[in-house]
Structures are given as structure tokens and as C-alpha cells.
Protein backbone atom coordinates (compact mmCIF):
# COMPACT_ATOMS: atom_id res chain seq x y z
CA MET A 1 -55.03 175.91 74.36
CA ALA A 2 -53.30 175.20 71.06
CA ASN A 3 -50.06 176.95 70.20
CA PRO A 4 -50.77 180.26 68.37
CA PHE A 5 -47.91 179.57 65.93
CA SER A 6 -49.48 176.32 64.78
CA LEU A 7 -52.89 177.88 64.35
CA LEU A 8 -51.52 180.67 62.18
CA ASN A 9 -48.98 178.74 60.14
CA GLY A 10 -49.70 175.05 60.26
CA PRO A 11 -53.16 173.73 59.39
CA LYS A 12 -52.53 172.99 55.71
CA LYS A 13 -49.09 171.46 56.31
CA VAL A 14 -50.47 168.16 57.57
CA GLU A 15 -53.94 168.27 56.07
CA GLY A 16 -54.44 165.05 54.15
CA LYS A 17 -51.01 163.76 55.16
CA VAL A 18 -50.49 160.35 56.76
CA VAL A 19 -48.71 160.54 60.12
CA LEU A 20 -47.44 157.36 61.76
CA ILE A 21 -46.84 157.67 65.51
CA THR A 22 -45.29 154.97 67.69
CA GLY A 23 -46.10 154.78 71.38
CA ALA A 24 -49.46 156.40 70.74
CA ALA A 25 -51.48 154.80 73.54
CA ARG A 26 -51.13 157.68 75.97
CA GLY A 27 -49.19 160.84 76.81
CA ILE A 28 -47.26 162.64 74.08
CA GLY A 29 -48.06 160.09 71.36
CA ALA A 30 -51.80 160.13 71.95
CA GLY A 31 -51.85 163.91 72.35
CA LEU A 32 -50.02 164.50 69.09
CA ALA A 33 -52.31 162.10 67.27
CA GLU A 34 -55.35 164.07 68.41
CA ARG A 35 -53.83 167.45 67.59
CA LEU A 36 -52.55 166.51 64.15
CA ALA A 37 -55.84 164.83 63.29
CA ALA A 38 -57.55 168.10 64.20
CA HIS A 39 -55.42 169.70 61.44
CA GLY A 40 -56.74 167.17 58.94
CA ALA A 41 -54.00 164.55 59.16
CA LYS A 42 -54.68 160.83 58.92
CA VAL A 43 -53.00 159.26 61.93
CA ALA A 44 -51.67 155.72 62.25
CA LEU A 45 -51.21 154.67 65.87
CA VAL A 46 -48.56 151.97 66.33
CA GLY A 47 -47.54 150.34 69.60
CA LEU A 48 -47.89 147.59 72.18
CA GLU A 49 -50.94 148.72 74.14
CA ALA A 50 -53.60 147.79 71.61
CA ALA A 51 -56.64 148.47 73.78
CA GLU A 52 -55.44 151.93 74.83
CA GLN A 53 -54.48 152.84 71.27
CA GLN A 54 -57.91 151.82 70.07
CA LYS A 55 -59.47 154.19 72.59
CA VAL A 56 -57.38 157.02 71.13
CA ALA A 57 -58.39 156.04 67.59
CA ASP A 58 -62.05 155.92 68.62
CA ARG A 59 -61.82 159.42 70.10
CA ILE A 60 -60.32 160.78 66.89
CA GLY A 61 -62.69 159.06 64.48
CA PRO A 62 -62.34 157.73 60.92
CA ASN A 63 -59.05 159.54 60.26
CA ALA A 64 -57.30 157.34 62.85
CA HIS A 65 -56.47 153.65 62.87
CA ALA A 66 -54.45 151.56 65.33
CA TRP A 67 -51.94 148.77 64.70
CA GLU A 68 -50.35 146.63 67.40
CA ALA A 69 -46.58 146.32 66.99
CA ASP A 70 -43.45 146.15 69.11
CA VAL A 71 -40.84 148.63 67.83
CA THR A 72 -38.12 146.09 68.66
CA ASP A 73 -39.72 143.47 66.39
CA TRP A 74 -38.77 143.80 62.72
CA ALA A 75 -41.56 141.56 61.47
CA ALA A 76 -44.22 143.31 63.53
CA LEU A 77 -43.07 146.74 62.35
CA GLU A 78 -43.02 145.64 58.73
CA LYS A 79 -46.51 144.19 59.04
CA ALA A 80 -47.85 147.35 60.71
CA THR A 81 -46.19 149.60 58.13
CA ALA A 82 -47.65 147.56 55.29
CA GLY A 83 -51.04 147.83 56.96
CA VAL A 84 -50.73 151.62 57.25
CA VAL A 85 -49.78 151.95 53.57
CA GLU A 86 -52.62 149.69 52.49
CA HIS A 87 -55.15 151.52 54.67
CA PHE A 88 -54.10 155.14 54.08
CA GLY A 89 -52.18 154.88 50.78
CA GLY A 90 -48.73 155.92 52.02
CA ILE A 91 -46.79 157.60 54.83
CA ASP A 92 -45.72 161.26 54.95
CA VAL A 93 -44.56 161.76 58.53
CA VAL A 94 -43.17 159.35 61.10
CA ILE A 95 -42.89 160.26 64.78
CA ALA A 96 -40.73 157.75 66.68
CA ASN A 97 -42.15 158.39 70.13
CA ALA A 98 -42.21 154.93 71.74
CA GLY A 99 -40.08 154.94 74.86
CA ILE A 100 -39.73 153.34 78.28
CA ALA A 101 -37.55 153.92 81.33
CA THR A 102 -36.27 152.09 84.37
CA ALA A 103 -35.33 153.25 87.84
CA GLY A 104 -32.00 151.96 89.04
CA PHE A 105 -28.28 152.32 89.46
CA VAL A 106 -26.02 150.33 87.15
CA ARG A 107 -24.78 147.99 89.86
CA SER A 108 -28.23 146.94 91.09
CA VAL A 109 -30.76 147.50 88.28
CA ASP A 110 -32.36 144.44 86.68
CA PRO A 111 -30.10 143.66 83.67
CA ALA A 112 -32.93 142.68 81.31
CA ALA A 113 -34.94 145.78 82.17
CA PHE A 114 -31.83 147.96 81.71
CA GLU A 115 -31.14 146.58 78.25
CA LYS A 116 -34.78 146.74 77.19
CA VAL A 117 -34.70 150.53 77.56
CA ILE A 118 -31.85 150.78 75.08
CA GLU A 119 -33.56 148.34 72.74
CA VAL A 120 -36.86 150.25 72.76
CA ASP A 121 -35.64 153.83 73.05
CA LEU A 122 -32.69 153.67 70.64
CA LEU A 123 -32.96 150.57 68.46
CA GLY A 124 -36.72 151.07 68.27
CA VAL A 125 -36.14 154.45 66.61
CA TRP A 126 -33.68 152.95 64.13
CA ARG A 127 -36.04 150.10 63.27
CA THR A 128 -39.07 152.39 62.95
CA PHE A 129 -37.25 154.75 60.61
CA ARG A 130 -35.60 152.00 58.58
CA VAL A 131 -38.88 150.20 57.92
CA THR A 132 -40.90 153.32 57.09
CA LEU A 133 -38.18 155.27 55.25
CA PRO A 134 -38.94 154.07 51.70
CA HIS A 135 -42.49 155.38 52.01
CA VAL A 136 -41.39 158.69 53.53
CA ILE A 137 -38.79 159.15 50.78
CA GLU A 138 -41.49 158.55 48.17
CA ARG A 139 -43.46 161.48 49.59
CA ARG A 140 -40.46 163.67 50.52
CA GLY A 141 -41.71 163.65 54.08
CA TYR A 142 -40.51 164.17 57.62
CA LEU A 143 -39.07 161.98 60.38
CA LEU A 144 -39.14 163.08 64.00
CA ALA A 145 -37.36 161.20 66.79
CA ILE A 146 -38.29 161.95 70.39
CA SER A 147 -35.07 162.25 72.38
CA SER A 148 -34.96 163.91 75.81
CA LEU A 149 -33.31 166.40 78.13
CA ALA A 150 -31.56 163.24 79.39
CA ALA A 151 -29.47 163.29 76.21
CA ILE A 152 -27.91 166.51 77.51
CA THR A 153 -27.97 166.07 81.30
CA HIS A 154 -26.79 162.62 82.35
CA ALA A 155 -28.27 162.11 85.80
CA PRO A 156 -27.45 159.23 88.17
CA GLY A 157 -29.96 156.39 88.04
CA MET A 158 -30.65 157.07 84.35
CA ALA A 159 -27.59 155.61 82.64
CA ASN A 160 -29.50 153.50 80.12
CA TYR A 161 -32.12 156.16 79.36
CA ALA A 162 -29.49 158.90 78.95
CA ALA A 163 -27.37 156.68 76.71
CA ALA A 164 -30.35 155.73 74.55
CA LYS A 165 -31.62 159.28 74.17
CA ALA A 166 -28.14 160.65 73.42
CA GLY A 167 -27.88 157.92 70.81
CA VAL A 168 -31.21 158.99 69.32
CA GLU A 169 -29.90 162.54 68.91
CA ALA A 170 -26.66 161.36 67.28
CA PHE A 171 -28.51 158.91 65.04
CA SER A 172 -30.91 161.63 63.88
CA ASN A 173 -28.08 164.05 63.13
CA SER A 174 -26.29 161.48 60.97
CA LEU A 175 -29.49 160.41 59.23
CA ARG A 176 -30.39 164.02 58.42
CA ALA A 177 -27.18 164.44 56.44
CA GLU A 178 -27.69 161.10 54.68
CA ILE A 179 -31.16 161.74 53.27
CA ALA A 180 -31.34 165.51 52.80
CA HIS A 181 -30.72 165.09 49.06
CA LEU A 182 -33.85 162.90 48.90
CA GLY A 183 -36.04 165.73 50.13
CA VAL A 184 -36.70 164.19 53.55
CA LYS A 185 -36.44 166.34 56.67
CA VAL A 186 -35.26 164.84 59.97
CA GLY A 187 -36.02 166.35 63.35
CA VAL A 188 -35.09 165.49 66.91
CA ALA A 189 -37.05 166.65 69.96
CA HIS A 190 -35.71 167.18 73.47
CA PRO A 191 -38.52 167.33 76.04
CA THR A 192 -37.67 167.93 79.68
CA TRP A 193 -39.76 166.31 82.46
CA ILE A 194 -43.35 166.22 81.21
CA ARG A 195 -46.34 165.10 83.27
CA THR A 196 -46.87 161.70 81.60
CA ASP A 197 -47.30 158.15 82.84
CA LEU A 198 -43.57 157.56 82.44
CA VAL A 199 -42.62 160.51 84.65
CA GLU A 200 -45.40 159.98 87.18
CA SER A 201 -44.40 156.35 87.68
CA ALA A 202 -40.77 157.41 88.16
CA ASP A 203 -41.84 160.00 90.70
CA ALA A 204 -43.78 157.33 92.59
CA HIS A 205 -40.71 155.11 92.94
CA PRO A 206 -39.76 154.84 96.63
CA VAL A 207 -36.08 155.52 95.98
CA PHE A 208 -35.65 157.32 92.68
CA GLY A 209 -38.73 159.51 93.05
CA LYS A 210 -37.00 161.19 95.98
CA LEU A 211 -33.75 161.47 94.05
CA ARG A 212 -35.48 163.15 91.12
CA GLY A 213 -37.40 165.40 93.48
CA SER A 214 -34.09 166.76 94.73
CA MET A 215 -33.04 168.01 91.29
CA PRO A 216 -32.61 171.79 91.47
CA GLY A 217 -34.38 174.55 89.54
CA LEU A 218 -35.51 174.08 85.97
CA ILE A 219 -33.62 170.78 85.67
CA GLY A 220 -36.06 169.16 88.08
CA LYS A 221 -39.24 171.00 87.10
CA THR A 222 -42.10 168.97 85.63
CA TYR A 223 -44.21 170.67 82.95
CA PRO A 224 -47.84 169.94 81.96
CA LEU A 225 -48.39 167.70 78.95
CA ASN A 226 -49.84 170.61 76.96
CA VAL A 227 -46.50 172.43 77.10
CA ALA A 228 -44.87 169.54 75.28
CA LEU A 229 -47.74 169.17 72.84
CA ASP A 230 -47.72 172.89 71.99
CA ASN A 231 -44.00 172.87 71.18
CA LEU A 232 -44.02 169.54 69.37
CA GLU A 233 -47.11 170.39 67.34
CA ALA A 234 -45.58 173.66 66.13
CA GLY A 235 -42.28 171.95 65.32
CA ILE A 236 -43.92 169.14 63.36
CA LEU A 237 -45.99 171.58 61.33
CA ARG A 238 -42.87 173.41 60.23
CA ARG A 239 -40.80 170.20 59.92
CA ALA A 240 -38.27 171.51 62.39
CA ARG A 241 -34.71 170.28 62.66
CA THR A 242 -34.77 170.53 66.46
CA ILE A 243 -37.61 170.97 68.93
CA HIS A 244 -36.81 171.97 72.50
CA VAL A 245 -39.43 171.53 75.21
CA PRO A 246 -39.37 174.15 76.61
CA ARG A 247 -37.06 176.51 74.74
CA TRP A 248 -34.48 176.79 77.55
CA VAL A 249 -33.45 173.18 76.81
CA GLY A 250 -31.86 174.47 73.60
CA GLY A 251 -29.79 176.95 75.58
CA LEU A 252 -28.63 174.17 77.87
CA LYS A 253 -27.07 172.43 74.86
CA LEU A 254 -24.52 175.24 74.70
CA LEU A 255 -23.30 174.28 78.19
CA ARG A 256 -23.19 170.55 77.51
CA ALA A 257 -19.44 170.19 78.06
CA PHE A 258 -19.69 171.64 81.55
CA LEU A 259 -22.68 169.63 82.76
CA PRO A 260 -21.15 166.25 83.74
CA PRO A 261 -18.84 167.64 86.46
CA ILE A 262 -21.62 169.88 87.75
CA ILE A 263 -23.97 166.90 88.03
CA GLU A 264 -21.25 164.86 89.75
CA ILE A 265 -20.71 167.55 92.36
CA GLY A 266 -24.44 167.89 92.98
CA SER A 267 -24.82 164.13 93.34
CA ARG A 268 -22.23 163.66 96.07
CA SER A 269 -24.63 164.49 98.87
CA ARG A 270 -27.61 162.51 97.50
CA VAL A 271 -26.40 159.38 95.75
CA PRO A 272 -24.80 157.47 98.67
CA ALA A 273 -28.07 157.26 100.63
CA ALA A 274 -30.04 156.51 97.45
CA ASP A 275 -27.60 153.75 96.51
CA LYS A 276 -28.08 152.08 99.89
CA ALA A 277 -31.87 152.47 99.63
CA ALA A 278 -31.84 151.02 96.11
CA LEU A 279 -30.05 147.88 97.31
CA GLU A 280 -32.59 147.50 100.10
CA ASP A 281 -35.46 147.99 97.64
CA VAL A 282 -34.07 145.31 95.33
CA LYS A 283 -33.71 142.95 98.28
CA ALA A 284 -37.29 143.61 99.39
CA ARG A 285 -39.13 143.62 96.04
CA GLY A 286 -36.75 141.91 93.64
CA ALA A 287 -34.70 143.54 90.89
CA TYR A 288 -37.49 143.52 88.30
CA GLU A 289 -40.16 145.20 90.45
CA ALA A 290 -37.62 147.71 91.74
CA SER A 291 -36.53 148.61 88.20
CA VAL A 292 -39.52 148.72 85.85
CA THR A 293 -41.68 151.84 85.70
CA GLY A 294 -44.75 152.90 83.71
CA HIS A 295 -47.38 151.03 81.73
CA GLY A 296 -45.26 151.02 78.61
CA GLY A 297 -42.24 149.69 80.46
CA ARG A 298 -44.22 146.81 81.92
CA ALA A 299 -45.77 145.99 78.56
CA ALA A 300 -42.38 145.96 76.84
CA THR A 301 -40.53 143.91 79.45
CA LYS A 302 -43.34 141.39 79.88
CA ARG A 303 -43.44 140.87 76.12
CA SER A 304 -39.70 140.19 76.02
């Protein structure tokens, strides 16, 4: 069911607007494309998984078009952006959603896979915004970067993902102040664990799935995809500065200074066994197979 707020306040705010979404092959990206198109937006789907993106575009119809591009590749992003502008006439909204993750501790994770997360999840946002920004400025539009709860709670086994997503938040905050005078709004979203391919593949990991499953209370709870789509849809329609998925994530920001020592204490009883198991997993499967998770992660690392 769509969010009541968006139904009452949002339909005309994206009607006829061009929305570019990276990582739109599945999950949050695909879901947002479908919802915003239902409000009359023209959606440009940009990402690595061309066949999956085309399926999303086909479901939406003539107001959607897909472009294959790696968000870490300047030339590919520039070509895709030029294609979007030529096809739709401009760009009003950009949602930097493309993201991947690995499973692994710093001392045993595959180095290339570790660095690829930072390149996609942080530098991919910078590159996406830099390439599309002239067009968004022209239309006094809106940029939204998808960060994460991981930017606030820095869990073991997620060093690269937490660093990248914290960087996305900081980058967005600086950018917002830089371009406010140009009439462009900048938002940053912090979803918690959402039932997507990325999270499901992490949960299926023989070592880190168990570690994540031991996270207590709301911190470890996984929410249905529609919860994220409801909150993100409403936030995009009002061009929100921050979007928290769900709302309690915003409250957690107020406790940010106290979270690292709390996480350290909670990890003492779980990390030693997981560290040993991770080393055994790397020995058995190899560092790459033990590290890479999700369809997007495999597509990104294979391409590199």
C-alpha cells in the first residue's frame, strides 16, 4: 500500500519530471522507479545489470528507459547522462542508489572486493552527482543519496560499507551547503536493514549471516521492502533533507557518540568465534567467494 502522505501531497511534484536512478535493476531502485512513474515521472534507469533494468523499464512502459553504466566509470556515466538528456530532454531528480557490500573482517576480506565497495558506494555517488549536476541545476532540482544505518552504527565485518555510507552522509551535507543558492535541494537517506537482494545474500553468508542475526532489537530487525519505499517515496516527493527508514533511525543519530563503545562491548562475545570461522571460510572457498555478496556485488567486482 502506498504511503498516505505521498498520495495526499505528492502526485504533482514529480509529474512530468525526469528522475534518474542508479542501481535500478532490483530492490529499492526498481521499486522507486515504479512508484515515481506511477506519479507521472519519466524514469531513467542506470546501472550494470542491463537485462534486469530492461525488465523494470518494460514493466513501467514508455515513461521508462534503461541505460547500462558503471557508476565508477566516468565515461560510461557521461554517456548515459547524455543519453538521458537526449531522450527525455533534461534531468530534474537524481537518486544515487547504486550500492554493493562485502562480508568480511579487515584482516581477511578480499582486498579488491573491500575497495570496490568504497569505490561504488562512495565514489559512485560523487561521480553520479558530478556528472548530472549541471542538468539538475538547470532545472533547480533535487539530489538524493542513499546512505544507510551503517553510517551511524559501525558494526564489525562492515568496515568498508560503514565508511562508505558515512562518507556519503558527510558528502551530501557539504554539497547541500554548496549548491543551496542555485536552487538545488540535496537529501540523504538512511535505511536500516531492508529485505533486498543485498541483505538476503548477506544473511545467507555462512559466517556473517549468523553474526548479523545476533544483532539485538531494532538494530538487527529486517523490514519489508515496502517500508523503505513508502518512506523514500514520501521524502522524494517533498524533496526532503533527510529520510530515515524507519523513523527511529533519526532518533538514533542523537546517540551517535555513544554507539561505538556499546557496539564494542556487544561484540566481545561474538566476534572471536566469527573471526576464526571467517579465516576457515576464506581457506575453504578463497577470499573472493567468501567476501562478495549479492548480484550487484558480483556484477561490479567481475567488471573490475
